[in-house]
Amino acid sequence: MNNRTLKKYFPIFVLPTLIAFMIAFVIPFIMGIYLSFCKFNTIRDAEWVGIKNYINIFSDDKTFVQALVRTVKFTVVSVVIINIGAFALALLLTRKLPGTNIFRTIFFMPNLIGGIVLGYIWKETLDTLTRKIFKLPFAYTGRNFGFWGLVLVMCWQLMGYMMIIYIAGIQNIPEDVMEAAKIDGATPFQILYKITIPLVMPSVTICLFLTLSNSFKLYDQNYALNGNSNKTSLLALDIYKTFYGASSYAEGRGQAKAVIFFIIVAVITFAQLGLTRSKEVES
């Protein structure tokens, strides 16, 4: 099939997907922005209130700012630990040691477990430990335990997935480049800093994007592990509790929080993509 034929039938093949994308994403997204400027219980009774919802978020609703700060801290810690740990595992498992394929499979397996299931598994595990040590369920042991419990679950789930991406990047480095560096007398640290890391930057870009976005959007593990505790709620869970809260017309504030949440995630992820892509080099 030549290019002329492809161009002729391209609209026919892309139209169903485009329609589905418009119905499932674009139209609800635009409606969500509009509803963030309204107070409503259902879409039909939406009443325009301007920026009142946004003002209330920062003036009356203290949970949003607290959840935002908590989410930023959680994201920074998780991204650093996951990427450093995954990169270290990738370096270790590309050394052609015996049993590396088995270890790759073992480290990757937690990513196959659904988030809500994973959260409840770790909740039961941590509940058992904290009951023995503090005589309390995990959810009542304090905000620090809840925070580090979330970090533990996030790292345990994503580190193996990021490891696979880093392994693919390391294995894509040309052998002659590594051999030339060794012949020139480069130390292992110089090879790592001057060759491996620059040539693996495309993998770094992907892994940073995935860990940043997943950490900011974390909901299911947060809900399963910490329940409705405000002390450990991240942004996604705080938005859910606001939208489905007991107060009347809370949906407008929840929708406004969701819009701010989207802007924050979009700005940070696009900035990260631009920064890391600028440091990529051709192998």
C-alpha atoms as a PDB file:
ATOM      1  CA  MET A   1       0.000   0.000   0.000  1.00  0.00           C
ATOM      2  CA  ASN A   2       1.545   3.306  -1.113  1.00  0.00           C
ATOM      3  CA  ASN A   3       1.452   6.635   0.700  1.00  0.00           C
ATOM      4  CA  ARG A   4      -1.285   8.041  -1.531  1.00  0.00           C
ATOM      5  CA  THR A   5      -3.630   5.185  -0.613  1.00  0.00           C
ATOM      6  CA  LEU A   6      -2.788   5.583   3.076  1.00  0.00           C
ATOM      7  CA  LYS A   7      -3.603   9.291   2.960  1.00  0.00           C
ATOM      8  CA  LYS A   8      -6.869   8.557   1.151  1.00  0.00           C
ATOM      9  CA  TYR A   9      -8.185   6.084   3.718  1.00  0.00           C
ATOM     10  CA  PHE A  10      -6.547   7.585   6.818  1.00  0.00           C
ATOM     11  CA  PRO A  11      -9.617   9.659   7.852  1.00  0.00           C
ATOM     12  CA  ILE A  12     -11.855   6.579   7.582  1.00  0.00           C
ATOM     13  CA  PHE A  13      -9.654   4.524   9.927  1.00  0.00           C
ATOM     14  CA  VAL A  14      -8.951   7.322  12.414  1.00  0.00           C
ATOM     15  CA  LEU A  15     -12.530   8.641  12.627  1.00  0.00           C
ATOM     16  CA  PRO A  16     -13.966   5.982  15.031  1.00  0.00           C
ATOM     17  CA  THR A  17     -11.033   6.430  17.433  1.00  0.00           C
ATOM     18  CA  LEU A  18     -11.272  10.215  17.201  1.00  0.00           C
ATOM     19  CA  ILE A  19     -15.014  10.150  17.942  1.00  0.00           C
ATOM     20  CA  ALA A  20     -14.470   7.851  20.924  1.00  0.00           C
ATOM     21  CA  PHE A  21     -11.670  10.109  22.199  1.00  0.00           C
ATOM     22  CA  MET A  22     -13.892  13.194  21.884  1.00  0.00           C
ATOM     23  CA  ILE A  23     -16.805  11.539  23.707  1.00  0.00           C
ATOM     24  CA  ALA A  24     -14.754   9.875  26.448  1.00  0.00           C
ATOM     25  CA  PHE A  25     -12.131  12.556  27.108  1.00  0.00           C
ATOM     26  CA  VAL A  26     -12.378  15.952  25.376  1.00  0.00           C
ATOM     27  CA  ILE A  27     -16.072  16.703  26.002  1.00  0.00           C
ATOM     28  CA  PRO A  28     -16.034  15.578  29.693  1.00  0.00           C
ATOM     29  CA  PHE A  29     -12.790  17.548  30.195  1.00  0.00           C
ATOM     30  CA  ILE A  30     -14.343  20.775  28.864  1.00  0.00           C
ATOM     31  CA  MET A  31     -17.497  20.171  30.903  1.00  0.00           C
ATOM     32  CA  GLY A  32     -15.343  19.597  33.988  1.00  0.00           C
ATOM     33  CA  ILE A  33     -13.642  22.956  33.558  1.00  0.00           C
ATOM     34  CA  TYR A  34     -17.041  24.653  33.214  1.00  0.00           C
ATOM     35  CA  LEU A  35     -18.435  22.856  36.287  1.00  0.00           C
ATOM     36  CA  SER A  36     -15.460  23.989  38.372  1.00  0.00           C
ATOM     37  CA  PHE A  37     -16.989  27.488  38.152  1.00  0.00           C
ATOM     38  CA  CYS A  38     -20.406  26.249  39.283  1.00  0.00           C
ATOM     39  CA  LYS A  39     -22.109  24.903  42.358  1.00  0.00           C
ATOM     40  CA  PHE A  40     -24.101  21.754  41.666  1.00  0.00           C
ATOM     41  CA  ASN A  41     -25.341  18.453  42.983  1.00  0.00           C
ATOM     42  CA  THR A  42     -25.994  17.113  39.492  1.00  0.00           C
ATOM     43  CA  ILE A  43     -25.005  18.499  36.105  1.00  0.00           C
ATOM     44  CA  ARG A  44     -28.566  19.660  35.410  1.00  0.00           C
ATOM     45  CA  ASP A  45     -28.750  21.965  38.437  1.00  0.00           C
ATOM     46  CA  ALA A  46     -25.348  23.619  37.869  1.00  0.00           C
ATOM     47  CA  GLU A  47     -25.350  27.289  38.851  1.00  0.00           C
ATOM     48  CA  TRP A  48     -22.528  29.648  37.802  1.00  0.00           C
ATOM     49  CA  VAL A  49     -20.612  31.090  40.782  1.00  0.00           C
ATOM     50  CA  GLY A  50     -17.435  32.288  39.048  1.00  0.00           C
ATOM     51  CA  ILE A  51     -14.158  31.751  40.883  1.00  0.00           C
ATOM     52  CA  LYS A  52     -15.843  31.250  44.267  1.00  0.00           C
ATOM     53  CA  ASN A  53     -14.921  27.562  44.331  1.00  0.00           C
ATOM     54  CA  TYR A  54     -11.261  28.342  43.734  1.00  0.00           C
ATOM     55  CA  ILE A  55     -11.261  30.999  46.462  1.00  0.00           C
ATOM     56  CA  ASN A  56     -12.901  28.612  48.940  1.00  0.00           C
ATOM     57  CA  ILE A  57     -10.265  25.966  48.260  1.00  0.00           C
ATOM     58  CA  PHE A  58      -7.471  28.193  49.552  1.00  0.00           C
ATOM     59  CA  SER A  59      -9.421  30.212  52.141  1.00  0.00           C
ATOM     60  CA  ASP A  60     -11.822  27.762  53.815  1.00  0.00           C
ATOM     61  CA  ASP A  61     -10.579  24.298  52.825  1.00  0.00           C
ATOM     62  CA  LYS A  62      -7.294  23.676  54.602  1.00  0.00           C
ATOM     63  CA  THR A  63      -7.143  20.014  53.525  1.00  0.00           C
ATOM     64  CA  PHE A  64      -6.281  20.894  49.916  1.00  0.00           C
ATOM     65  CA  VAL A  65      -3.064  22.771  50.699  1.00  0.00           C
ATOM     66  CA  GLN A  66      -2.066  20.130  53.243  1.00  0.00           C
ATOM     67  CA  ALA A  67      -2.714  17.341  50.736  1.00  0.00           C
ATOM     68  CA  LEU A  68      -0.773  19.259  48.060  1.00  0.00           C
ATOM     69  CA  VAL A  69       2.288  19.661  50.302  1.00  0.00           C
ATOM     70  CA  ARG A  70       2.037  16.016  51.344  1.00  0.00           C
ATOM     71  CA  THR A  71       1.770  14.901  47.711  1.00  0.00           C
ATOM     72  CA  VAL A  72       4.818  16.935  46.667  1.00  0.00           C
ATOM     73  CA  LYS A  73       6.882  15.415  49.490  1.00  0.00           C
ATOM     74  CA  PHE A  74       5.652  11.928  48.654  1.00  0.00           C
ATOM     75  CA  THR A  75       6.412  12.420  44.949  1.00  0.00           C
ATOM     76  CA  VAL A  76       9.948  13.710  45.534  1.00  0.00           C
ATOM     77  CA  VAL A  77      10.835  10.863  47.909  1.00  0.00           C
ATOM     78  CA  SER A  78       9.223   8.161  45.743  1.00  0.00           C
ATOM     79  CA  VAL A  79      10.732   9.376  42.456  1.00  0.00           C
ATOM     80  CA  VAL A  80      14.247   9.543  43.920  1.00  0.00           C
ATOM     81  CA  ILE A  81      14.103   6.140  45.652  1.00  0.00           C
ATOM     82  CA  ILE A  82      12.396   4.333  42.765  1.00  0.00           C
ATOM     83  CA  ASN A  83      14.715   5.614  40.046  1.00  0.00           C
ATOM     84  CA  ILE A  84      17.951   5.214  41.980  1.00  0.00           C
ATOM     85  CA  GLY A  85      16.922   1.746  43.149  1.00  0.00           C
ATOM     86  CA  ALA A  86      15.706   0.665  39.712  1.00  0.00           C
ATOM     87  CA  PHE A  87      18.855   1.944  38.009  1.00  0.00           C
ATOM     88  CA  ALA A  88      21.062   0.162  40.560  1.00  0.00           C
ATOM     89  CA  LEU A  89      19.143  -3.091  40.024  1.00  0.00           C
ATOM     90  CA  ALA A  90      19.412  -2.670  36.252  1.00  0.00           C
ATOM     91  CA  LEU A  91      23.191  -2.230  36.491  1.00  0.00           C
ATOM     92  CA  LEU A  92      23.442  -5.319  38.678  1.00  0.00           C
ATOM     93  CA  LEU A  93      21.213  -7.478  36.483  1.00  0.00           C
ATOM     94  CA  THR A  94      23.088  -6.623  33.268  1.00  0.00           C
ATOM     95  CA  ARG A  95      26.368  -8.033  34.616  1.00  0.00           C
ATOM     96  CA  LYS A  96      25.657 -11.455  33.055  1.00  0.00           C
ATOM     97  CA  LEU A  97      25.469 -13.075  36.476  1.00  0.00           C
ATOM     98  CA  PRO A  98      23.728 -16.461  36.907  1.00  0.00           C
ATOM     99  CA  GLY A  99      19.998 -16.274  37.590  1.00  0.00           C
ATOM    100  CA  THR A 100      19.497 -12.718  36.333  1.00  0.00           C
ATOM    101  CA  ASN A 101      16.366 -13.622  34.341  1.00  0.00           C
ATOM    102  CA  ILE A 102      14.762 -15.119  37.444  1.00  0.00           C
ATOM    103  CA  PHE A 103      15.523 -12.008  39.493  1.00  0.00           C
ATOM    104  CA  ARG A 104      14.171  -9.737  36.749  1.00  0.00           C
ATOM    105  CA  THR A 105      10.907 -11.664  36.825  1.00  0.00           C
ATOM    106  CA  ILE A 106      10.704 -11.552  40.630  1.00  0.00           C
ATOM    107  CA  PHE A 107      11.332  -7.801  40.790  1.00  0.00           C
ATOM    108  CA  PHE A 108       8.812  -7.106  38.011  1.00  0.00           C
ATOM    109  CA  MET A 109       5.975  -9.228  39.451  1.00  0.00           C
ATOM    110  CA  PRO A 110       4.610  -6.626  41.963  1.00  0.00           C
ATOM    111  CA  ASN A 111       3.722  -4.371  39.017  1.00  0.00           C
ATOM    112  CA  LEU A 112       1.252  -7.025  37.831  1.00  0.00           C
ATOM    113  CA  ILE A 113      -0.849  -6.674  40.986  1.00  0.00           C
ATOM    114  CA  GLY A 114      -3.694  -4.155  40.881  1.00  0.00           C
ATOM    115  CA  GLY A 115      -3.241  -1.045  43.006  1.00  0.00           C
ATOM    116  CA  ILE A 116      -6.251  -1.552  45.298  1.00  0.00           C
ATOM    117  CA  VAL A 117      -5.347  -5.217  45.881  1.00  0.00           C
ATOM    118  CA  LEU A 118      -1.730  -4.273  46.516  1.00  0.00           C
ATOM    119  CA  GLY A 119      -2.815  -1.641  49.022  1.00  0.00           C
ATOM    120  CA  TYR A 120      -4.961  -4.073  51.007  1.00  0.00           C
ATOM    121  CA  ILE A 121      -2.222  -6.727  50.990  1.00  0.00           C
ATOM    122  CA  TRP A 122       0.257  -4.261  52.477  1.00  0.00           C
ATOM    123  CA  LYS A 123      -2.373  -2.911  54.886  1.00  0.00           C
ATOM    124  CA  GLU A 124      -2.861  -6.375  56.366  1.00  0.00           C
ATOM    125  CA  THR A 125       0.901  -6.909  56.502  1.00  0.00           C
ATOM    126  CA  LEU A 126       1.592  -3.558  58.171  1.00  0.00           C
ATOM    127  CA  ASP A 127      -1.411  -3.987  60.506  1.00  0.00           C
ATOM    128  CA  THR A 128       0.099  -7.224  61.781  1.00  0.00           C
ATOM    129  CA  LEU A 129       3.471  -5.586  62.400  1.00  0.00           C
ATOM    130  CA  THR A 130       2.125  -2.451  64.109  1.00  0.00           C
ATOM    131  CA  ARG A 131      -0.269  -4.436  66.316  1.00  0.00           C
ATOM    132  CA  LYS A 132       2.668  -6.459  67.588  1.00  0.00           C
ATOM    133  CA  ILE A 133       4.907  -3.417  68.108  1.00  0.00           C
ATOM    134  CA  PHE A 134       2.520  -0.540  69.002  1.00  0.00           C
ATOM    135  CA  LYS A 135      -0.693  -2.467  69.840  1.00  0.00           C
ATOM    136  CA  LEU A 136      -2.436  -0.325  67.196  1.00  0.00           C
ATOM    137  CA  PRO A 137      -3.658  -0.835  63.612  1.00  0.00           C
ATOM    138  CA  PHE A 138      -1.412   0.707  60.967  1.00  0.00           C
ATOM    139  CA  ALA A 139      -3.924   3.472  60.097  1.00  0.00           C
ATOM    140  CA  TYR A 140      -3.735   4.824  63.681  1.00  0.00           C
ATOM    141  CA  THR A 141       0.034   4.840  64.161  1.00  0.00           C
ATOM    142  CA  GLY A 142       0.488   8.442  62.978  1.00  0.00           C
ATOM    143  CA  ARG A 143       1.075  10.457  59.817  1.00  0.00           C
ATOM    144  CA  ASN A 144       4.785   9.541  59.543  1.00  0.00           C
ATOM    145  CA  PHE A 145       4.042   5.831  59.494  1.00  0.00           C
ATOM    146  CA  GLY A 146       1.269   6.383  56.949  1.00  0.00           C
ATOM    147  CA  PHE A 147       3.552   8.463  54.735  1.00  0.00           C
ATOM    148  CA  TRP A 148       6.407   5.964  54.748  1.00  0.00           C
ATOM    149  CA  GLY A 149       3.962   3.106  54.312  1.00  0.00           C
ATOM    150  CA  LEU A 150       2.769   4.721  51.072  1.00  0.00           C
ATOM    151  CA  VAL A 151       6.370   5.240  49.944  1.00  0.00           C
ATOM    152  CA  LEU A 152       7.129   1.577  50.670  1.00  0.00           C
ATOM    153  CA  VAL A 153       4.134   0.329  48.668  1.00  0.00           C
ATOM    154  CA  MET A 154       4.847   2.684  45.746  1.00  0.00           C
ATOM    155  CA  CYS A 155       8.512   1.675  45.559  1.00  0.00           C
ATOM    156  CA  TRP A 156       7.715  -2.030  45.888  1.00  0.00           C
ATOM    157  CA  GLN A 157       5.247  -1.827  42.984  1.00  0.00           C
ATOM    158  CA  LEU A 158       7.086   0.419  40.509  1.00  0.00           C
ATOM    159  CA  MET A 159      10.781  -0.280  41.063  1.00  0.00           C
ATOM    160  CA  GLY A 160      10.735  -3.535  39.087  1.00  0.00           C
ATOM    161  CA  TYR A 161       8.876  -1.903  36.188  1.00  0.00           C
ATOM    162  CA  MET A 162      11.383   0.961  35.987  1.00  0.00           C
ATOM    163  CA  MET A 163      14.204  -1.571  36.290  1.00  0.00           C
ATOM    164  CA  ILE A 164      13.061  -3.270  33.065  1.00  0.00           C
ATOM    165  CA  ILE A 165      13.105   0.065  31.209  1.00  0.00           C
ATOM    166  CA  TYR A 166      16.595   0.860  32.498  1.00  0.00           C
ATOM    167  CA  ILE A 167      17.803  -2.622  31.534  1.00  0.00           C
ATOM    168  CA  ALA A 168      16.573  -2.041  27.979  1.00  0.00           C
ATOM    169  CA  GLY A 169      18.437   1.270  27.873  1.00  0.00           C
ATOM    170  CA  ILE A 170      21.690  -0.211  29.226  1.00  0.00           C
ATOM    171  CA  GLN A 171      21.566  -3.130  26.801  1.00  0.00           C
ATOM    172  CA  ASN A 172      21.126  -0.649  23.943  1.00  0.00           C
ATOM    173  CA  ILE A 173      24.545   0.925  24.630  1.00  0.00           C
ATOM    174  CA  PRO A 174      26.993  -0.110  21.855  1.00  0.00           C
ATOM    175  CA  GLU A 175      29.597  -2.598  23.060  1.00  0.00           C
ATOM    176  CA  ASP A 176      32.384  -0.892  21.108  1.00  0.00           C
ATOM    177  CA  VAL A 177      31.841   2.331  23.090  1.00  0.00           C
ATOM    178  CA  MET A 178      32.252   0.494  26.389  1.00  0.00           C
ATOM    179  CA  GLU A 179      35.275  -1.432  25.139  1.00  0.00           C
ATOM    180  CA  ALA A 180      36.944   1.746  23.867  1.00  0.00           C
ATOM    181  CA  ALA A 181      36.445   3.393  27.265  1.00  0.00           C
ATOM    182  CA  LYS A 182      38.002   0.422  29.062  1.00  0.00           C
ATOM    183  CA  ILE A 183      40.967   0.386  26.658  1.00  0.00           C
ATOM    184  CA  ASP A 184      41.494   4.117  27.310  1.00  0.00           C
ATOM    185  CA  GLY A 185      41.741   3.332  31.021  1.00  0.00           C
ATOM    186  CA  ALA A 186      38.427   4.754  32.198  1.00  0.00           C
ATOM    187  CA  THR A 187      37.431   3.755  35.738  1.00  0.00           C
ATOM    188  CA  PRO A 188      34.040   2.106  36.423  1.00  0.00           C
ATOM    189  CA  PHE A 189      32.788   5.397  37.893  1.00  0.00           C
ATOM    190  CA  GLN A 190      33.924   7.357  34.815  1.00  0.00           C
ATOM    191  CA  ILE A 191      32.225   4.838  32.528  1.00  0.00           C
ATOM    192  CA  LEU A 192      29.028   5.153  34.575  1.00  0.00           C
ATOM    193  CA  TYR A 193      29.060   8.966  34.702  1.00  0.00           C
ATOM    194  CA  LYS A 194      30.434   9.758  31.236  1.00  0.00           C
ATOM    195  CA  ILE A 195      28.969   6.949  29.121  1.00  0.00           C
ATOM    196  CA  THR A 196      26.231   4.876  30.748  1.00  0.00           C
ATOM    197  CA  ILE A 197      24.093   7.646  32.239  1.00  0.00           C
ATOM    198  CA  PRO A 198      24.209   9.985  29.172  1.00  0.00           C
ATOM    199  CA  LEU A 199      23.342   7.116  26.798  1.00  0.00           C
ATOM    200  CA  VAL A 200      20.530   5.899  29.072  1.00  0.00           C
ATOM    201  CA  MET A 201      18.888   9.336  29.271  1.00  0.00           C
ATOM    202  CA  PRO A 202      15.955   8.292  27.023  1.00  0.00           C
ATOM    203  CA  SER A 203      15.131   5.623  29.609  1.00  0.00           C
ATOM    204  CA  VAL A 204      15.585   8.191  32.384  1.00  0.00           C
ATOM    205  CA  THR A 205      13.082  10.454  30.614  1.00  0.00           C
ATOM    206  CA  ILE A 206      10.492   7.679  30.430  1.00  0.00           C
ATOM    207  CA  CYS A 207      11.031   6.492  34.010  1.00  0.00           C
ATOM    208  CA  LEU A 208      10.898   9.992  35.481  1.00  0.00           C
ATOM    209  CA  PHE A 209       7.707  10.735  33.565  1.00  0.00           C
ATOM    210  CA  LEU A 210       6.023   7.511  34.729  1.00  0.00           C
ATOM    211  CA  THR A 211       7.090   7.826  38.366  1.00  0.00           C
ATOM    212  CA  LEU A 212       6.197  11.523  38.550  1.00  0.00           C
ATOM    213  CA  SER A 213       2.739  11.096  37.047  1.00  0.00           C
ATOM    214  CA  ASN A 214       1.938   7.921  38.990  1.00  0.00           C
ATOM    215  CA  SER A 215       3.101   9.400  42.293  1.00  0.00           C
ATOM    216  CA  PHE A 216       1.045  12.561  41.852  1.00  0.00           C
ATOM    217  CA  LYS A 217      -2.051  10.622  40.770  1.00  0.00           C
ATOM    218  CA  LEU A 218      -1.817   7.912  43.423  1.00  0.00           C
ATOM    219  CA  TYR A 219      -5.274   7.088  44.741  1.00  0.00           C
ATOM    220  CA  ASP A 220      -6.077   3.396  45.097  1.00  0.00           C
ATOM    221  CA  GLN A 221      -3.115   2.430  47.305  1.00  0.00           C
ATOM    222  CA  ASN A 222      -3.677   5.565  49.399  1.00  0.00           C
ATOM    223  CA  TYR A 223      -7.349   4.664  49.919  1.00  0.00           C
ATOM    224  CA  ALA A 224      -6.660   1.009  50.692  1.00  0.00           C
ATOM    225  CA  LEU A 225      -3.734   1.670  53.012  1.00  0.00           C
ATOM    226  CA  ASN A 226      -4.870   4.741  54.942  1.00  0.00           C
ATOM    227  CA  GLY A 227      -8.649   4.817  54.486  1.00  0.00           C
ATOM    228  CA  ASN A 228     -10.299   8.181  55.144  1.00  0.00           C
ATOM    229  CA  SER A 229      -7.561   9.589  57.371  1.00  0.00           C
ATOM    230  CA  ASN A 230      -6.951  13.256  56.497  1.00  0.00           C
ATOM    231  CA  LYS A 231      -3.450  13.033  57.954  1.00  0.00           C
ATOM    232  CA  THR A 232      -2.238  10.817  55.102  1.00  0.00           C
ATOM    233  CA  SER A 233      -4.544  11.801  52.222  1.00  0.00           C
ATOM    234  CA  LEU A 234      -2.797  12.682  48.979  1.00  0.00           C
ATOM    235  CA  LEU A 235      -4.357  15.021  46.410  1.00  0.00           C
ATOM    236  CA  ALA A 236      -6.312  12.427  44.434  1.00  0.00           C
ATOM    237  CA  LEU A 237      -7.926  10.994  47.581  1.00  0.00           C
ATOM    238  CA  ASP A 238      -8.614  14.490  48.949  1.00  0.00           C
ATOM    239  CA  ILE A 239     -10.413  15.406  45.703  1.00  0.00           C
ATOM    240  CA  TYR A 240     -12.505  12.232  45.930  1.00  0.00           C
ATOM    241  CA  LYS A 241     -13.477  12.940  49.559  1.00  0.00           C
ATOM    242  CA  THR A 242     -14.368  16.537  48.685  1.00  0.00           C
ATOM    243  CA  PHE A 243     -16.459  15.614  45.653  1.00  0.00           C
ATOM    244  CA  TYR A 244     -18.389  12.892  47.484  1.00  0.00           C
ATOM    245  CA  GLY A 245     -18.402  14.669  50.859  1.00  0.00           C
ATOM    246  CA  ALA A 246     -21.420  15.213  53.051  1.00  0.00           C
ATOM    247  CA  SER A 247     -21.590  18.993  52.551  1.00  0.00           C
ATOM    248  CA  SER A 248     -24.055  20.402  50.043  1.00  0.00           C
ATOM    249  CA  TYR A 249     -22.698  21.591  46.696  1.00  0.00           C
ATOM    250  CA  ALA A 250     -19.226  20.247  47.518  1.00  0.00           C
ATOM    251  CA  GLU A 251     -18.984  18.888  43.971  1.00  0.00           C
ATOM    252  CA  GLY A 252     -18.043  22.317  42.619  1.00  0.00           C
ATOM    253  CA  ARG A 253     -15.090  22.595  44.993  1.00  0.00           C
ATOM    254  CA  GLY A 254     -14.064  19.039  44.177  1.00  0.00           C
ATOM    255  CA  GLN A 255     -14.155  19.837  40.475  1.00  0.00           C
ATOM    256  CA  ALA A 256     -12.093  23.003  41.015  1.00  0.00           C
ATOM    257  CA  LYS A 257      -9.522  20.957  42.924  1.00  0.00           C
ATOM    258  CA  ALA A 258      -9.403  18.476  40.031  1.00  0.00           C
ATOM    259  CA  VAL A 259      -8.707  21.271  37.533  1.00  0.00           C
ATOM    260  CA  ILE A 260      -5.872  22.669  39.681  1.00  0.00           C
ATOM    261  CA  PHE A 261      -4.576  19.124  40.109  1.00  0.00           C
ATOM    262  CA  PHE A 262      -4.517  18.616  36.337  1.00  0.00           C
ATOM    263  CA  ILE A 263      -2.644  21.898  35.773  1.00  0.00           C
ATOM    264  CA  ILE A 264      -0.014  21.023  38.401  1.00  0.00           C
ATOM    265  CA  VAL A 265       0.605  17.536  37.007  1.00  0.00           C
ATOM    266  CA  ALA A 266       0.690  18.805  33.395  1.00  0.00           C
ATOM    267  CA  VAL A 267       3.160  21.622  34.148  1.00  0.00           C
ATOM    268  CA  ILE A 268       5.515  19.421  36.176  1.00  0.00           C
ATOM    269  CA  THR A 269       5.527  16.481  33.745  1.00  0.00           C
ATOM    270  CA  PHE A 270       6.013  18.661  30.651  1.00  0.00           C
ATOM    271  CA  ALA A 271       8.814  20.571  32.392  1.00  0.00           C
ATOM    272  CA  GLN A 272      10.458  17.258  33.305  1.00  0.00           C
ATOM    273  CA  LEU A 273      10.128  15.964  29.741  1.00  0.00           C
ATOM    274  CA  GLY A 274      11.701  19.109  28.316  1.00  0.00           C
ATOM    275  CA  LEU A 275      14.551  19.085  30.837  1.00  0.00           C
ATOM    276  CA  THR A 276      15.525  15.439  30.455  1.00  0.00           C
ATOM    277  CA  ARG A 277      15.083  15.341  26.667  1.00  0.00           C
ATOM    278  CA  SER A 278      17.509  18.246  26.347  1.00  0.00           C
ATOM    279  CA  LYS A 279      20.167  16.083  27.997  1.00  0.00           C
ATOM    280  CA  GLU A 280      19.679  13.062  25.734  1.00  0.00           C
ATOM    281  CA  VAL A 281      22.536  12.182  23.385  1.00  0.00           C
ATOM    282  CA  GLU A 282      22.659   9.985  20.327  1.00  0.00           C
ATOM    283  CA  SER A 283      24.402   6.655  20.824  1.00  0.00           C
END
